[in-house]
Amino acid sequence: MPSYVVTGTSRGLGLHEFIAGHTHKNVHVIEADSKDARALRVNLKNAADTVSKITGGTLDVLINNAALMDYERVDLTLDAFPDAETLEADLMLFFQTNTIGPIHTINAFLPLLLAGTTKKCLTISTTAGSPKVANATNFTTYGGYGISKAALNLAIAKYASRFRDDGVVFLAVTPGMVKTMPGTEEEVNKALEPLVEKFRKRYPHFEGPITVERSVRDILVLLDRAGIADSGKFTHRDGRDGDSI
């Protein structure tokens, strides 16, 4: 049976609340999160060591799902922050969490991936990190989030180039506008409505908000069919170019 590591399981796409009543013994929760950079590296090393003991020193699939998205100032444009210090602090927080964090995670689990059979690493990204989409839709907010994810996309391409000859597939995948925020169906749809309208002005076919279940299902299908020729791509969960909506 293939082995998987999924990061960011406390909410959203990776939510692990079901484990409390899970009857199977092959699902394990390992704490690795930390806001301190050094502690994070130590925790990731310990997590990788724990996984290694469980799997016998191998790992088939790493799904990099952990990220920071919502924050009190995400709706500000880059020129609208109260001061330069606040802007810089926010940008660094997003970069530390969404770019450096996944890089440390990949490095921690790389030895296990290289020893595995499937050898796939899928990292959750976003069209908010696409300059093409930002220009086409006038999407001016979520600056720190988008910038950090754009940097992450390039990092994934770097890993793909580095480990292509070793047969490791690296993908940056946008999961769609997924309903992960708390609230009723009506509340979530209302909160996302302004963004949906903005995107549909440029992309009338934009699908809008989707359920976690649908997004995860499509991502797993993409993961299953992805091969070494796809490594390094920034793509939608259905295989389309990530620089589109």
Protein backbone atom coordinates (compact mmCIF):
# COMPACT_ATOMS: atom_id res chain seq x y z
CA MET A 1 0.00 0.00 0.00
CA PRO A 2 1.44 3.43 -0.94
CA SER A 3 2.40 5.77 1.89
CA TYR A 4 1.30 9.41 2.05
CA VAL A 5 2.29 12.41 4.15
CA VAL A 6 -0.18 15.32 4.12
CA THR A 7 0.76 18.57 5.84
CA GLY A 8 -1.69 21.18 7.09
CA THR A 9 -4.31 18.80 8.47
CA SER A 10 -5.83 21.07 11.12
CA ARG A 11 -8.27 22.80 8.73
CA GLY A 12 -9.32 23.18 5.09
CA LEU A 13 -8.32 20.58 2.52
CA GLY A 14 -6.31 18.54 5.01
CA LEU A 15 -8.75 18.58 7.95
CA HIS A 16 -8.20 15.51 10.17
CA GLU A 17 -11.13 15.65 12.59
CA PHE A 18 -12.36 12.31 11.23
CA ILE A 19 -9.37 10.51 12.74
CA ALA A 20 -10.83 10.58 16.26
CA GLY A 21 -13.40 7.99 15.22
CA HIS A 22 -11.33 6.28 12.55
CA THR A 23 -11.32 2.48 12.77
CA HIS A 24 -8.19 1.98 10.68
CA LYS A 25 -4.76 1.88 12.29
CA ASN A 26 -2.79 3.12 9.28
CA VAL A 27 -3.60 6.84 9.79
CA HIS A 28 -1.25 8.76 12.06
CA VAL A 29 -1.26 12.40 13.21
CA ILE A 30 2.18 13.89 13.78
CA GLU A 31 2.65 17.43 15.10
CA ALA A 32 5.23 19.44 13.19
CA ASP A 33 3.92 23.01 13.07
CA SER A 34 5.72 25.93 14.69
CA LYS A 35 5.94 29.68 14.19
CA ASP A 36 9.63 29.62 15.12
CA ALA A 37 11.86 28.78 12.12
CA ARG A 38 14.41 26.72 14.03
CA ALA A 39 11.73 24.82 15.95
CA LEU A 40 9.92 24.11 12.69
CA ARG A 41 13.03 22.51 11.18
CA VAL A 42 13.51 20.38 14.28
CA ASN A 43 9.85 19.37 14.30
CA LEU A 44 9.96 18.46 10.61
CA LYS A 45 13.08 16.35 11.15
CA ASN A 46 11.34 14.56 14.02
CA ALA A 47 8.21 14.09 11.90
CA ALA A 48 10.26 12.61 9.06
CA ASP A 49 11.99 10.27 11.52
CA THR A 50 8.61 9.16 12.85
CA VAL A 51 7.27 8.52 9.35
CA SER A 52 10.43 6.59 8.51
CA LYS A 53 9.85 4.26 11.46
CA ILE A 54 6.24 3.70 10.40
CA THR A 55 6.98 3.07 6.70
CA GLY A 56 10.33 1.35 6.92
CA GLY A 57 12.35 4.27 5.59
CA THR A 58 10.34 5.17 2.50
CA LEU A 59 7.61 7.56 1.37
CA ASP A 60 5.58 7.40 -1.83
CA VAL A 61 3.71 10.72 -1.83
CA LEU A 62 4.24 14.04 -0.04
CA ILE A 63 1.32 16.50 -0.22
CA ASN A 64 2.42 19.96 0.85
CA ASN A 65 -0.89 21.47 1.96
CA ALA A 66 0.02 23.69 4.93
CA ALA A 67 -0.24 27.43 4.25
CA LEU A 68 -1.25 30.82 5.57
CA MET A 69 -4.05 32.48 3.59
CA ASP A 70 -6.45 34.50 5.74
CA TYR A 71 -4.97 37.34 7.73
CA GLU A 72 -6.31 40.59 9.12
CA ARG A 73 -4.77 42.72 6.35
CA VAL A 74 -5.09 40.46 3.29
CA ASP A 75 -7.67 42.79 1.78
CA LEU A 76 -5.22 45.70 1.67
CA THR A 77 -3.36 46.55 -1.52
CA LEU A 78 0.43 46.77 -1.22
CA ASP A 79 0.31 50.59 -1.08
CA ALA A 80 -2.44 50.77 1.56
CA PHE A 81 -0.64 49.46 4.65
CA PRO A 82 -0.50 51.79 7.67
CA ASP A 83 3.30 51.88 7.56
CA ALA A 84 6.30 50.25 5.91
CA GLU A 85 7.13 48.15 8.97
CA THR A 86 3.69 46.51 9.02
CA LEU A 87 3.88 45.79 5.31
CA GLU A 88 7.29 44.19 5.66
CA ALA A 89 6.24 42.13 8.69
CA ASP A 90 3.20 40.77 6.85
CA LEU A 91 5.18 39.94 3.72
CA MET A 92 7.80 38.12 5.78
CA LEU A 93 5.14 36.15 7.66
CA PHE A 94 3.60 34.92 4.41
CA PHE A 95 7.01 34.17 2.88
CA GLN A 96 8.17 32.30 5.98
CA THR A 97 5.00 30.19 6.10
CA ASN A 98 4.11 29.64 2.44
CA THR A 99 7.52 29.53 0.76
CA ILE A 100 10.24 28.66 3.25
CA GLY A 101 8.00 26.27 5.22
CA PRO A 102 7.25 23.98 2.26
CA ILE A 103 10.92 24.06 1.22
CA HIS A 104 11.96 22.83 4.68
CA THR A 105 9.20 20.21 4.51
CA ILE A 106 10.37 18.90 1.15
CA ASN A 107 13.98 18.77 2.34
CA ALA A 108 12.98 16.86 5.47
CA PHE A 109 11.10 14.17 3.55
CA LEU A 110 13.29 14.01 0.41
CA PRO A 111 15.39 11.04 1.58
CA LEU A 112 12.19 9.04 2.15
CA LEU A 113 10.73 10.09 -1.23
CA LEU A 114 13.91 9.08 -3.02
CA ALA A 115 13.70 5.68 -1.36
CA GLY A 116 10.02 5.30 -2.23
CA THR A 117 8.35 3.73 -5.25
CA THR A 118 5.86 6.36 -6.42
CA LYS A 119 8.15 9.38 -5.79
CA LYS A 120 5.61 12.22 -6.04
CA CYS A 121 5.43 15.58 -4.28
CA LEU A 122 2.31 17.70 -4.80
CA THR A 123 2.26 21.21 -3.36
CA ILE A 124 -0.97 23.19 -3.07
CA SER A 125 -0.64 26.55 -4.83
CA THR A 126 -3.07 29.17 -6.14
CA THR A 127 -3.87 31.31 -9.15
CA ALA A 128 -3.43 34.25 -6.76
CA GLY A 129 0.28 33.62 -7.37
CA SER A 130 -0.02 34.05 -11.14
CA PRO A 131 1.07 37.44 -12.59
CA LYS A 132 -0.99 36.66 -15.70
CA VAL A 133 -4.19 36.18 -13.71
CA ALA A 134 -3.49 39.24 -11.54
CA ASN A 135 -3.14 41.41 -14.63
CA ALA A 136 -6.19 39.95 -16.35
CA THR A 137 -8.53 40.26 -13.35
CA ASN A 138 -7.19 43.35 -11.55
CA PHE A 139 -6.77 41.16 -8.47
CA THR A 140 -4.90 43.68 -6.31
CA THR A 141 -5.38 42.28 -2.80
CA TYR A 142 -4.01 39.15 -1.07
CA GLY A 143 -0.55 40.52 -1.89
CA GLY A 144 1.54 38.63 0.66
CA TYR A 145 -0.34 35.40 -0.01
CA GLY A 146 0.00 35.65 -3.79
CA ILE A 147 3.65 36.75 -3.74
CA SER A 148 4.62 33.92 -1.38
CA LYS A 149 2.84 31.36 -3.56
CA ALA A 150 4.45 32.72 -6.74
CA ALA A 151 7.84 32.18 -5.10
CA LEU A 152 6.75 28.68 -4.08
CA ASN A 153 5.83 27.86 -7.69
CA LEU A 154 9.37 28.66 -8.76
CA ALA A 155 10.80 26.62 -5.88
CA ILE A 156 8.81 23.60 -7.09
CA ALA A 157 10.24 24.07 -10.60
CA LYS A 158 13.73 24.15 -9.08
CA TYR A 159 13.12 20.86 -7.25
CA ALA A 160 11.71 19.31 -10.42
CA SER A 161 14.87 20.20 -12.34
CA ARG A 162 17.12 18.97 -9.55
CA PHE A 163 15.48 15.57 -9.11
CA ARG A 164 14.12 14.79 -12.59
CA ASP A 165 16.83 12.20 -13.23
CA ASP A 166 15.92 10.55 -9.94
CA GLY A 167 12.34 10.11 -11.11
CA VAL A 168 10.72 12.40 -8.53
CA VAL A 169 7.61 14.24 -9.78
CA PHE A 170 7.03 17.71 -8.32
CA LEU A 171 3.78 19.59 -8.99
CA ALA A 172 2.36 22.96 -7.89
CA VAL A 173 -1.42 22.61 -8.05
CA THR A 174 -4.19 25.15 -7.61
CA PRO A 175 -7.19 23.41 -6.03
CA GLY A 176 -9.83 25.92 -7.11
CA MET A 177 -11.85 28.34 -4.98
CA VAL A 178 -12.56 25.83 -2.23
CA LYS A 179 -15.12 26.41 0.52
CA THR A 180 -12.79 25.96 3.48
CA MET A 181 -13.77 29.02 5.53
CA PRO A 182 -16.09 28.58 8.53
CA GLY A 183 -19.77 29.46 8.25
CA THR A 184 -22.95 28.25 6.62
CA GLU A 185 -23.18 27.58 2.88
CA GLU A 186 -24.97 30.91 2.43
CA GLU A 187 -22.39 32.84 4.47
CA VAL A 188 -19.44 31.33 2.61
CA ASN A 189 -20.97 31.98 -0.81
CA LYS A 190 -21.74 35.57 0.16
CA ALA A 191 -18.18 36.15 1.38
CA LEU A 192 -16.71 34.82 -1.86
CA GLU A 193 -19.20 36.56 -4.16
CA PRO A 194 -17.11 39.74 -4.78
CA LEU A 195 -14.12 37.67 -5.92
CA VAL A 196 -16.31 35.46 -8.12
CA GLU A 197 -17.80 38.52 -9.83
CA LYS A 198 -14.34 40.01 -10.40
CA PHE A 199 -13.02 36.82 -11.99
CA ARG A 200 -16.10 36.24 -14.14
CA LYS A 201 -15.77 39.67 -15.72
CA ARG A 202 -12.59 38.42 -17.37
CA TYR A 203 -13.27 34.68 -17.32
CA PRO A 204 -17.04 34.09 -17.77
CA HIS A 205 -16.53 30.34 -17.48
CA PHE A 206 -15.02 30.58 -13.98
CA GLU A 207 -16.57 27.75 -11.95
CA GLY A 208 -16.80 29.62 -8.65
CA PRO A 209 -16.67 28.05 -5.18
CA ILE A 210 -16.47 24.26 -4.92
CA THR A 211 -16.59 21.77 -2.06
CA VAL A 212 -13.55 20.32 -0.35
CA GLU A 213 -14.63 16.84 -1.45
CA ARG A 214 -14.71 17.77 -5.13
CA SER A 215 -11.35 19.51 -4.98
CA VAL A 216 -9.63 16.63 -3.19
CA ARG A 217 -11.12 14.06 -5.56
CA ASP A 218 -9.81 15.91 -8.62
CA ILE A 219 -6.40 16.49 -7.04
CA LEU A 220 -5.99 12.78 -6.33
CA VAL A 221 -6.93 11.93 -9.93
CA LEU A 222 -4.32 14.42 -11.17
CA LEU A 223 -1.73 13.04 -8.77
CA ASP A 224 -2.36 9.49 -9.95
CA ARG A 225 -1.89 10.28 -13.64
CA ALA A 226 1.02 12.74 -13.32
CA GLY A 227 4.34 11.51 -14.68
CA ILE A 228 7.89 12.78 -14.90
CA ALA A 229 7.03 14.78 -18.04
CA ASP A 230 4.67 16.86 -15.86
CA SER A 231 7.24 17.56 -13.16
CA GLY A 232 7.72 21.24 -12.37
CA LYS A 233 4.37 22.35 -13.76
CA PHE A 234 2.03 24.87 -12.15
CA THR A 235 -1.37 23.45 -12.94
CA HIS A 236 -5.05 23.42 -12.05
CA ARG A 237 -6.40 20.31 -10.38
CA ASP A 238 -7.87 19.26 -13.76
CA GLY A 239 -4.51 19.56 -15.53
CA ARG A 240 -5.05 22.98 -17.16
CA ASP A 241 -2.29 25.58 -17.08
CA GLY A 242 -2.20 27.25 -13.67
CA ASP A 243 -1.82 30.68 -15.28
CA SER A 244 -5.50 30.67 -16.22
CA ILE A 245 -8.84 30.45 -14.43
